[in-house]
Amino acid sequence: MPNSPRPPGSACCPARDHLNDAIRDLMNQPASRERTQQWAALLKQWADCCPQAGDCWTTAA
């Protein structure tokens, strides 16, 4: 994993950036069974599009 964060404005993975935004939006919703199901689905999608080496992992989501 790189020691420095990616420069502002550089897109590592647009699909992952979209998922991070969706996860952040979901975090602002009240807890519910539906939110829990959506959370699990989004995290699976995020993991599926993230390289196993973690080259672009962030702490945003």
C-alpha atoms as a PDB file:
ATOM      1  CA  MET A   1       0.000   0.000   0.000  1.00  0.00           C
ATOM      2  CA  PRO A   2       1.399   3.442  -0.835  1.00  0.00           C
ATOM      3  CA  ASN A   3       2.614   5.568   2.055  1.00  0.00           C
ATOM      4  CA  SER A   4       1.036   8.739   0.759  1.00  0.00           C
ATOM      5  CA  PRO A   5      -2.585   9.420  -0.170  1.00  0.00           C
ATOM      6  CA  ARG A   6      -3.476   9.991  -3.789  1.00  0.00           C
ATOM      7  CA  PRO A   7      -3.319  13.618  -4.911  1.00  0.00           C
ATOM      8  CA  PRO A   8      -6.550  15.612  -4.679  1.00  0.00           C
ATOM      9  CA  GLY A   9      -8.622  15.301  -7.816  1.00  0.00           C
ATOM     10  CA  SER A  10      -7.005  12.085  -8.987  1.00  0.00           C
ATOM     11  CA  ALA A  11      -9.497   9.309  -9.478  1.00  0.00           C
ATOM     12  CA  CYS A  12      -8.194   5.917  -8.485  1.00  0.00           C
ATOM     13  CA  CYS A  13     -11.297   4.073  -9.461  1.00  0.00           C
ATOM     14  CA  PRO A  14     -14.490   5.937 -10.431  1.00  0.00           C
ATOM     15  CA  ALA A  15     -16.666   2.930  -9.541  1.00  0.00           C
ATOM     16  CA  ARG A  16     -15.146   2.775  -6.064  1.00  0.00           C
ATOM     17  CA  ASP A  17     -15.488   6.528  -5.619  1.00  0.00           C
ATOM     18  CA  HIS A  18     -19.192   6.200  -6.486  1.00  0.00           C
ATOM     19  CA  LEU A  19     -19.559   3.382  -3.947  1.00  0.00           C
ATOM     20  CA  ASN A  20     -17.794   5.454  -1.272  1.00  0.00           C
ATOM     21  CA  ASP A  21     -20.284   8.266  -1.882  1.00  0.00           C
ATOM     22  CA  ALA A  22     -23.203   5.833  -1.591  1.00  0.00           C
ATOM     23  CA  ILE A  23     -21.768   4.425   1.657  1.00  0.00           C
ATOM     24  CA  ARG A  24     -21.361   7.935   3.099  1.00  0.00           C
ATOM     25  CA  ASP A  25     -24.969   8.769   2.167  1.00  0.00           C
ATOM     26  CA  LEU A  26     -26.166   5.548   3.765  1.00  0.00           C
ATOM     27  CA  MET A  27     -24.290   6.350   6.990  1.00  0.00           C
ATOM     28  CA  ASN A  28     -26.463   9.466   7.351  1.00  0.00           C
ATOM     29  CA  GLN A  29     -29.678   7.423   7.350  1.00  0.00           C
ATOM     30  CA  PRO A  30     -31.251   6.125  10.559  1.00  0.00           C
ATOM     31  CA  ALA A  31     -30.519   2.530  11.481  1.00  0.00           C
ATOM     32  CA  SER A  32     -32.981   0.034  10.026  1.00  0.00           C
ATOM     33  CA  ARG A  33     -33.071  -3.480   8.630  1.00  0.00           C
ATOM     34  CA  GLU A  34     -33.126  -2.070   5.082  1.00  0.00           C
ATOM     35  CA  ARG A  35     -30.076   0.112   5.796  1.00  0.00           C
ATOM     36  CA  THR A  36     -28.226  -2.931   7.140  1.00  0.00           C
ATOM     37  CA  GLN A  37     -28.994  -4.882   3.967  1.00  0.00           C
ATOM     38  CA  GLN A  38     -27.954  -1.972   1.747  1.00  0.00           C
ATOM     39  CA  TRP A  39     -24.754  -1.541   3.783  1.00  0.00           C
ATOM     40  CA  ALA A  40     -23.786  -5.194   3.308  1.00  0.00           C
ATOM     41  CA  ALA A  41     -24.484  -5.021  -0.430  1.00  0.00           C
ATOM     42  CA  LEU A  42     -22.433  -1.829  -0.866  1.00  0.00           C
ATOM     43  CA  LEU A  43     -19.475  -3.214   1.096  1.00  0.00           C
ATOM     44  CA  LYS A  44     -19.493  -6.370  -1.022  1.00  0.00           C
ATOM     45  CA  GLN A  45     -19.530  -4.287  -4.210  1.00  0.00           C
ATOM     46  CA  TRP A  46     -16.684  -2.169  -2.841  1.00  0.00           C
ATOM     47  CA  ALA A  47     -14.609  -5.245  -1.999  1.00  0.00           C
ATOM     48  CA  ASP A  48     -15.320  -6.778  -5.407  1.00  0.00           C
ATOM     49  CA  CYS A  49     -13.991  -3.748  -7.291  1.00  0.00           C
ATOM     50  CA  CYS A  50     -10.982  -3.203  -5.016  1.00  0.00           C
ATOM     51  CA  PRO A  51      -7.707  -4.877  -5.994  1.00  0.00           C
ATOM     52  CA  GLN A  52      -6.556  -7.511  -3.529  1.00  0.00           C
ATOM     53  CA  ALA A  53      -3.190  -5.745  -3.202  1.00  0.00           C
ATOM     54  CA  GLY A  54      -4.948  -2.728  -1.703  1.00  0.00           C
ATOM     55  CA  ASP A  55      -3.192  -0.304  -4.042  1.00  0.00           C
ATOM     56  CA  CYS A  56      -6.071   2.153  -3.890  1.00  0.00           C
ATOM     57  CA  TRP A  57      -7.540   1.511  -0.467  1.00  0.00           C
ATOM     58  CA  THR A  58      -8.640   4.543   1.439  1.00  0.00           C
ATOM     59  CA  THR A  59     -10.096   5.133   4.881  1.00  0.00           C
ATOM     60  CA  ALA A  60     -13.094   6.986   3.440  1.00  0.00           C
ATOM     61  CA  ALA A  61     -15.570   4.155   3.670  1.00  0.00           C
END
